[in-house]
Amino acid sequence: MPQIFHHSTNTLSRVTIFGAVFALAALLWLLAMLSRSAYWTRQTEVVEQPVPFSHAHHVGGIGVDCRYCHTTVETAAFAGMPPTATCMNCHSQIWADSPMLEPVRQSFRTGQPIRWTRVHDLPDFVYFDHSIHLAKGIGCSECHGRVDRMPLMFKSETLQMEWCLRCHRHPEQRVRPRAQLFDMAWSPPAAAGALRAQLASEYHVERMTDCTVCHR
């Protein structure tokens, strides 16, 4: 029986198969990189708000403590958003006629809360408790970044699971003294390793990587 295909067809078939395998691998690598990119995670993307609240001014400029607005951050899973009355404690006297703050005054007059847009918005299947992280010596800036330098708020981290796991696998690398939890400018001393190991032991910090810790 005469040969139907040329001998070069064998080579072409091998090249095509290997090329398809490498193309598939390259596509998977590209998708993995895309899922970690700022475009996908919206990291560093400023989120538009009904009022352009500046943490750089309030926290970095005039030194407002995180707990003045986020009152439940030490005692509850949710840090809490300030009621309009908290804003008006100052803004009934300062910038009281500013057009930019009209939504704040309207909210105070009507009793309708301002509809802020969440910046750090975890999926519904993820459980996160602010109070336990603070109790274990994890400062605000570890997750939220240097908010005292943010004129408008954005995510400084990806908030993806692999990012959370890096800390959960080595929490002792992130622990700080409880007195410095709300100090955005705090930096570890020269002997940080020994200090953090001591604090991790004192605060009973554990490496919690079981799925049920966050997925409940």
C-alpha atoms as a PDB file:
ATOM      1  CA  MET A   1       0.000   0.000   0.000  1.00  0.00           C
ATOM      2  CA  PRO A   2       1.519   3.363  -0.968  1.00  0.00           C
ATOM      3  CA  GLN A   3       2.342   5.846   1.800  1.00  0.00           C
ATOM      4  CA  ILE A   4      -0.364   8.514   2.066  1.00  0.00           C
ATOM      5  CA  PHE A   5       1.422  11.121   4.204  1.00  0.00           C
ATOM      6  CA  HIS A   6       4.903  12.503   3.714  1.00  0.00           C
ATOM      7  CA  HIS A   7       7.599  11.655   6.308  1.00  0.00           C
ATOM      8  CA  SER A   8       7.663  15.307   7.411  1.00  0.00           C
ATOM      9  CA  THR A   9       4.097  14.903   8.724  1.00  0.00           C
ATOM     10  CA  ASN A  10       5.470  13.014  11.737  1.00  0.00           C
ATOM     11  CA  THR A  11       7.715  15.945  12.615  1.00  0.00           C
ATOM     12  CA  LEU A  12       4.887  18.411  12.074  1.00  0.00           C
ATOM     13  CA  SER A  13       2.621  16.392  14.389  1.00  0.00           C
ATOM     14  CA  ARG A  14       5.229  16.315  17.161  1.00  0.00           C
ATOM     15  CA  VAL A  15       5.872  20.056  16.844  1.00  0.00           C
ATOM     16  CA  THR A  16       2.137  20.774  16.911  1.00  0.00           C
ATOM     17  CA  ILE A  17       1.556  18.645  20.030  1.00  0.00           C
ATOM     18  CA  PHE A  18       4.515  20.105  21.925  1.00  0.00           C
ATOM     19  CA  GLY A  19       3.556  23.601  20.764  1.00  0.00           C
ATOM     20  CA  ALA A  20       0.014  23.131  22.051  1.00  0.00           C
ATOM     21  CA  VAL A  21       1.331  21.972  25.431  1.00  0.00           C
ATOM     22  CA  PHE A  22       3.658  24.979  25.741  1.00  0.00           C
ATOM     23  CA  ALA A  23       0.912  27.351  24.548  1.00  0.00           C
ATOM     24  CA  LEU A  24      -1.457  25.972  27.205  1.00  0.00           C
ATOM     25  CA  ALA A  25       1.227  26.336  29.890  1.00  0.00           C
ATOM     26  CA  ALA A  26       1.914  29.909  28.775  1.00  0.00           C
ATOM     27  CA  LEU A  27      -1.808  30.708  28.876  1.00  0.00           C
ATOM     28  CA  LEU A  28      -2.135  29.326  32.414  1.00  0.00           C
ATOM     29  CA  TRP A  29       0.924  31.327  33.512  1.00  0.00           C
ATOM     30  CA  LEU A  30      -0.545  34.462  31.946  1.00  0.00           C
ATOM     31  CA  LEU A  31      -3.865  33.941  33.738  1.00  0.00           C
ATOM     32  CA  ALA A  32      -2.042  33.387  37.035  1.00  0.00           C
ATOM     33  CA  MET A  33      -0.110  36.630  36.586  1.00  0.00           C
ATOM     34  CA  LEU A  34      -3.271  38.494  35.584  1.00  0.00           C
ATOM     35  CA  SER A  35      -5.128  37.325  38.692  1.00  0.00           C
ATOM     36  CA  ARG A  36      -2.326  38.799  40.830  1.00  0.00           C
ATOM     37  CA  SER A  37      -2.084  42.076  38.926  1.00  0.00           C
ATOM     38  CA  ALA A  38      -3.349  45.403  40.234  1.00  0.00           C
ATOM     39  CA  TYR A  39      -5.745  45.498  37.276  1.00  0.00           C
ATOM     40  CA  TRP A  40      -7.490  42.371  38.559  1.00  0.00           C
ATOM     41  CA  THR A  41      -7.288  43.033  42.302  1.00  0.00           C
ATOM     42  CA  ARG A  42      -7.908  46.802  41.933  1.00  0.00           C
ATOM     43  CA  GLN A  43      -4.951  47.375  44.229  1.00  0.00           C
ATOM     44  CA  THR A  44      -3.894  51.054  44.469  1.00  0.00           C
ATOM     45  CA  GLU A  45      -7.116  52.050  42.641  1.00  0.00           C
ATOM     46  CA  VAL A  46      -8.812  54.994  44.320  1.00  0.00           C
ATOM     47  CA  VAL A  47     -12.468  54.276  45.068  1.00  0.00           C
ATOM     48  CA  GLU A  48     -14.878  57.153  44.499  1.00  0.00           C
ATOM     49  CA  GLN A  49     -16.806  58.173  47.605  1.00  0.00           C
ATOM     50  CA  PRO A  50     -19.815  60.475  48.172  1.00  0.00           C
ATOM     51  CA  VAL A  51     -17.467  62.733  50.152  1.00  0.00           C
ATOM     52  CA  PRO A  52     -13.709  62.851  49.335  1.00  0.00           C
ATOM     53  CA  PHE A  53     -12.539  61.977  52.846  1.00  0.00           C
ATOM     54  CA  SER A  54      -8.763  62.348  53.262  1.00  0.00           C
ATOM     55  CA  HIS A  55      -7.045  60.055  55.736  1.00  0.00           C
ATOM     56  CA  ALA A  56      -3.817  61.921  54.989  1.00  0.00           C
ATOM     57  CA  HIS A  57      -5.372  65.101  56.389  1.00  0.00           C
ATOM     58  CA  HIS A  58      -7.334  63.625  59.289  1.00  0.00           C
ATOM     59  CA  VAL A  59      -4.856  60.946  60.419  1.00  0.00           C
ATOM     60  CA  GLY A  60      -1.501  62.185  59.171  1.00  0.00           C
ATOM     61  CA  GLY A  61      -2.193  65.912  59.373  1.00  0.00           C
ATOM     62  CA  ILE A  62      -4.207  66.518  62.529  1.00  0.00           C
ATOM     63  CA  GLY A  63      -3.584  63.173  64.221  1.00  0.00           C
ATOM     64  CA  VAL A  64      -7.082  61.720  64.569  1.00  0.00           C
ATOM     65  CA  ASP A  65      -6.826  58.241  66.113  1.00  0.00           C
ATOM     66  CA  CYS A  66      -8.304  55.339  64.111  1.00  0.00           C
ATOM     67  CA  ARG A  67     -10.606  54.469  67.011  1.00  0.00           C
ATOM     68  CA  TYR A  68     -12.300  57.871  66.974  1.00  0.00           C
ATOM     69  CA  CYS A  69     -14.135  56.865  63.795  1.00  0.00           C
ATOM     70  CA  HIS A  70     -13.790  53.064  63.810  1.00  0.00           C
ATOM     71  CA  THR A  71     -15.085  52.628  67.316  1.00  0.00           C
ATOM     72  CA  THR A  72     -15.586  48.840  67.387  1.00  0.00           C
ATOM     73  CA  VAL A  73     -12.289  47.822  65.848  1.00  0.00           C
ATOM     74  CA  GLU A  74     -10.942  46.483  69.175  1.00  0.00           C
ATOM     75  CA  THR A  75     -14.090  44.684  70.280  1.00  0.00           C
ATOM     76  CA  ALA A  76     -15.864  43.354  67.187  1.00  0.00           C
ATOM     77  CA  ALA A  77     -15.225  41.679  63.865  1.00  0.00           C
ATOM     78  CA  PHE A  78     -16.250  44.816  61.978  1.00  0.00           C
ATOM     79  CA  ALA A  79     -14.262  47.995  62.595  1.00  0.00           C
ATOM     80  CA  GLY A  80     -17.367  50.143  62.290  1.00  0.00           C
ATOM     81  CA  MET A  81     -18.107  53.217  60.206  1.00  0.00           C
ATOM     82  CA  PRO A  82     -18.610  56.558  61.957  1.00  0.00           C
ATOM     83  CA  PRO A  83     -22.125  57.984  62.165  1.00  0.00           C
ATOM     84  CA  THR A  84     -22.575  61.419  60.652  1.00  0.00           C
ATOM     85  CA  ALA A  85     -22.761  62.864  64.162  1.00  0.00           C
ATOM     86  CA  THR A  86     -19.090  61.964  64.607  1.00  0.00           C
ATOM     87  CA  CYS A  87     -18.183  64.024  61.538  1.00  0.00           C
ATOM     88  CA  MET A  88     -20.324  66.906  62.775  1.00  0.00           C
ATOM     89  CA  ASN A  89     -18.530  66.993  66.113  1.00  0.00           C
ATOM     90  CA  CYS A  90     -15.880  68.966  64.244  1.00  0.00           C
ATOM     91  CA  HIS A  91     -17.566  70.081  61.052  1.00  0.00           C
ATOM     92  CA  SER A  92     -20.374  71.941  62.773  1.00  0.00           C
ATOM     93  CA  GLN A  93     -17.586  74.416  63.600  1.00  0.00           C
ATOM     94  CA  ILE A  94     -14.880  73.770  60.999  1.00  0.00           C
ATOM     95  CA  TRP A  95     -15.626  74.077  57.264  1.00  0.00           C
ATOM     96  CA  ALA A  96     -19.264  74.295  58.316  1.00  0.00           C
ATOM     97  CA  ASP A  97     -20.320  75.959  55.044  1.00  0.00           C
ATOM     98  CA  SER A  98     -18.085  74.018  52.651  1.00  0.00           C
ATOM     99  CA  PRO A  99     -20.024  72.858  49.540  1.00  0.00           C
ATOM    100  CA  MET A 100     -17.902  69.691  49.533  1.00  0.00           C
ATOM    101  CA  LEU A 101     -19.351  68.721  52.909  1.00  0.00           C
ATOM    102  CA  GLU A 102     -22.997  69.297  51.977  1.00  0.00           C
ATOM    103  CA  PRO A 103     -23.656  65.490  51.832  1.00  0.00           C
ATOM    104  CA  VAL A 104     -22.483  65.297  55.448  1.00  0.00           C
ATOM    105  CA  ARG A 105     -24.782  68.111  56.566  1.00  0.00           C
ATOM    106  CA  GLN A 106     -27.696  66.661  54.608  1.00  0.00           C
ATOM    107  CA  SER A 107     -27.132  63.263  56.220  1.00  0.00           C
ATOM    108  CA  PHE A 108     -27.118  64.893  59.641  1.00  0.00           C
ATOM    109  CA  ARG A 109     -30.321  66.828  58.910  1.00  0.00           C
ATOM    110  CA  THR A 110     -32.259  63.883  57.499  1.00  0.00           C
ATOM    111  CA  GLY A 111     -30.854  61.079  59.638  1.00  0.00           C
ATOM    112  CA  GLN A 112     -29.994  59.100  56.508  1.00  0.00           C
ATOM    113  CA  PRO A 113     -26.470  57.610  56.692  1.00  0.00           C
ATOM    114  CA  ILE A 114     -23.904  58.401  54.043  1.00  0.00           C
ATOM    115  CA  ARG A 115     -23.534  55.502  51.620  1.00  0.00           C
ATOM    116  CA  TRP A 116     -19.775  55.002  51.687  1.00  0.00           C
ATOM    117  CA  THR A 117     -18.251  52.585  49.182  1.00  0.00           C
ATOM    118  CA  ARG A 118     -16.219  49.819  50.830  1.00  0.00           C
ATOM    119  CA  VAL A 119     -12.570  49.800  49.823  1.00  0.00           C
ATOM    120  CA  HIS A 120     -11.464  46.622  51.608  1.00  0.00           C
ATOM    121  CA  ASP A 121     -14.367  44.394  50.624  1.00  0.00           C
ATOM    122  CA  LEU A 122     -13.776  40.697  51.241  1.00  0.00           C
ATOM    123  CA  PRO A 123     -15.988  38.036  49.627  1.00  0.00           C
ATOM    124  CA  ASP A 124     -18.990  36.888  51.648  1.00  0.00           C
ATOM    125  CA  PHE A 125     -17.424  33.442  52.146  1.00  0.00           C
ATOM    126  CA  VAL A 126     -14.425  34.920  53.990  1.00  0.00           C
ATOM    127  CA  TYR A 127     -14.584  35.570  57.736  1.00  0.00           C
ATOM    128  CA  PHE A 128     -12.317  38.284  59.113  1.00  0.00           C
ATOM    129  CA  ASP A 129     -12.279  39.573  62.673  1.00  0.00           C
ATOM    130  CA  HIS A 130     -10.575  42.917  63.348  1.00  0.00           C
ATOM    131  CA  SER A 131     -10.566  42.501  67.121  1.00  0.00           C
ATOM    132  CA  ILE A 132      -8.626  39.219  67.196  1.00  0.00           C
ATOM    133  CA  HIS A 133      -5.934  40.562  64.869  1.00  0.00           C
ATOM    134  CA  LEU A 134      -5.434  43.609  67.079  1.00  0.00           C
ATOM    135  CA  ALA A 135      -5.401  41.432  70.198  1.00  0.00           C
ATOM    136  CA  LYS A 136      -2.593  39.389  68.634  1.00  0.00           C
ATOM    137  CA  GLY A 137      -0.497  42.476  67.889  1.00  0.00           C
ATOM    138  CA  ILE A 138      -1.230  43.041  64.192  1.00  0.00           C
ATOM    139  CA  GLY A 139      -1.316  46.780  63.505  1.00  0.00           C
ATOM    140  CA  CYS A 140      -3.734  48.551  61.169  1.00  0.00           C
ATOM    141  CA  SER A 141      -1.065  49.433  58.608  1.00  0.00           C
ATOM    142  CA  GLU A 142      -0.166  45.766  58.058  1.00  0.00           C
ATOM    143  CA  CYS A 143      -3.373  45.347  56.046  1.00  0.00           C
ATOM    144  CA  HIS A 144      -4.482  48.886  55.235  1.00  0.00           C
ATOM    145  CA  GLY A 145      -1.075  50.379  54.501  1.00  0.00           C
ATOM    146  CA  ARG A 146      -0.012  53.916  55.362  1.00  0.00           C
ATOM    147  CA  VAL A 147      -3.465  55.472  55.350  1.00  0.00           C
ATOM    148  CA  ASP A 148      -1.921  58.573  56.920  1.00  0.00           C
ATOM    149  CA  ARG A 149      -0.393  59.218  53.489  1.00  0.00           C
ATOM    150  CA  MET A 150      -3.536  58.586  51.428  1.00  0.00           C
ATOM    151  CA  PRO A 151      -5.420  61.714  50.324  1.00  0.00           C
ATOM    152  CA  LEU A 152      -8.046  59.309  48.973  1.00  0.00           C
ATOM    153  CA  MET A 153      -8.436  55.733  50.160  1.00  0.00           C
ATOM    154  CA  PHE A 154      -7.289  52.704  48.191  1.00  0.00           C
ATOM    155  CA  LYS A 155      -6.241  49.113  48.821  1.00  0.00           C
ATOM    156  CA  SER A 156      -2.512  48.855  49.468  1.00  0.00           C
ATOM    157  CA  GLU A 157      -2.596  45.026  49.404  1.00  0.00           C
ATOM    158  CA  THR A 158      -4.258  42.467  47.134  1.00  0.00           C
ATOM    159  CA  LEU A 159      -6.363  40.859  49.912  1.00  0.00           C
ATOM    160  CA  GLN A 160      -6.052  37.576  48.042  1.00  0.00           C
ATOM    161  CA  MET A 161      -5.869  34.312  49.973  1.00  0.00           C
ATOM    162  CA  GLU A 162      -2.175  33.755  49.258  1.00  0.00           C
ATOM    163  CA  TRP A 163      -1.438  37.181  50.748  1.00  0.00           C
ATOM    164  CA  CYS A 164      -3.361  36.297  53.923  1.00  0.00           C
ATOM    165  CA  LEU A 165      -1.613  32.930  54.151  1.00  0.00           C
ATOM    166  CA  ARG A 166       1.846  34.502  53.996  1.00  0.00           C
ATOM    167  CA  CYS A 167       1.075  36.225  57.275  1.00  0.00           C
ATOM    168  CA  HIS A 168      -0.794  33.287  58.814  1.00  0.00           C
ATOM    169  CA  ARG A 169       2.174  31.003  58.136  1.00  0.00           C
ATOM    170  CA  HIS A 170       4.663  33.418  59.722  1.00  0.00           C
ATOM    171  CA  PRO A 171       2.628  35.740  61.975  1.00  0.00           C
ATOM    172  CA  GLU A 172       5.621  36.442  64.204  1.00  0.00           C
ATOM    173  CA  GLN A 173       7.067  38.560  61.378  1.00  0.00           C
ATOM    174  CA  ARG A 174       4.161  41.019  61.643  1.00  0.00           C
ATOM    175  CA  VAL A 175       3.585  41.306  65.393  1.00  0.00           C
ATOM    176  CA  ARG A 176       4.176  44.632  67.096  1.00  0.00           C
ATOM    177  CA  PRO A 177       3.617  45.946  70.646  1.00  0.00           C
ATOM    178  CA  ARG A 178      -0.054  46.568  71.362  1.00  0.00           C
ATOM    179  CA  ALA A 179       0.769  50.153  72.310  1.00  0.00           C
ATOM    180  CA  GLN A 180       1.876  50.752  68.698  1.00  0.00           C
ATOM    181  CA  LEU A 181      -1.062  49.152  66.886  1.00  0.00           C
ATOM    182  CA  PHE A 182      -2.490  52.460  65.674  1.00  0.00           C
ATOM    183  CA  ASP A 183       0.834  54.170  64.973  1.00  0.00           C
ATOM    184  CA  MET A 184       1.096  54.251  61.181  1.00  0.00           C
ATOM    185  CA  ALA A 185       4.720  55.350  61.275  1.00  0.00           C
ATOM    186  CA  TRP A 186       5.909  52.612  63.649  1.00  0.00           C
ATOM    187  CA  SER A 187       8.867  50.615  62.408  1.00  0.00           C
ATOM    188  CA  PRO A 188      10.512  47.651  64.143  1.00  0.00           C
ATOM    189  CA  PRO A 189      13.753  48.269  66.063  1.00  0.00           C
ATOM    190  CA  ALA A 190      17.092  46.772  65.101  1.00  0.00           C
ATOM    191  CA  ALA A 191      16.513  43.622  67.156  1.00  0.00           C
ATOM    192  CA  ALA A 192      13.029  43.127  65.729  1.00  0.00           C
ATOM    193  CA  GLY A 193      13.311  39.353  65.426  1.00  0.00           C
ATOM    194  CA  ALA A 194      13.829  38.782  69.133  1.00  0.00           C
ATOM    195  CA  LEU A 195      11.193  41.350  70.088  1.00  0.00           C
ATOM    196  CA  ARG A 196       8.571  39.907  67.765  1.00  0.00           C
ATOM    197  CA  ALA A 197       9.285  36.352  68.886  1.00  0.00           C
ATOM    198  CA  GLN A 198       8.829  37.485  72.485  1.00  0.00           C
ATOM    199  CA  LEU A 199       5.581  39.301  71.647  1.00  0.00           C
ATOM    200  CA  ALA A 200       4.266  36.333  69.664  1.00  0.00           C
ATOM    201  CA  SER A 201       4.805  34.136  72.706  1.00  0.00           C
ATOM    202  CA  GLU A 202       3.296  36.697  75.071  1.00  0.00           C
ATOM    203  CA  TYR A 203       0.223  37.242  72.875  1.00  0.00           C
ATOM    204  CA  HIS A 204      -0.172  33.482  72.215  1.00  0.00           C
ATOM    205  CA  VAL A 205       0.062  33.953  68.445  1.00  0.00           C
ATOM    206  CA  GLU A 206      -0.463  30.739  66.494  1.00  0.00           C
ATOM    207  CA  ARG A 207       0.092  29.759  62.880  1.00  0.00           C
ATOM    208  CA  MET A 208      -3.507  29.235  61.839  1.00  0.00           C
ATOM    209  CA  THR A 209      -3.708  27.964  58.268  1.00  0.00           C
ATOM    210  CA  ASP A 210      -6.656  25.585  58.475  1.00  0.00           C
ATOM    211  CA  CYS A 211      -9.385  26.368  55.926  1.00  0.00           C
ATOM    212  CA  THR A 212     -12.065  26.652  58.603  1.00  0.00           C
ATOM    213  CA  VAL A 213     -10.279  29.587  60.254  1.00  0.00           C
ATOM    214  CA  CYS A 214     -11.469  31.944  57.516  1.00  0.00           C
ATOM    215  CA  HIS A 215     -14.023  29.885  55.561  1.00  0.00           C
ATOM    216  CA  ARG A 216     -16.884  29.157  57.944  1.00  0.00           C
END
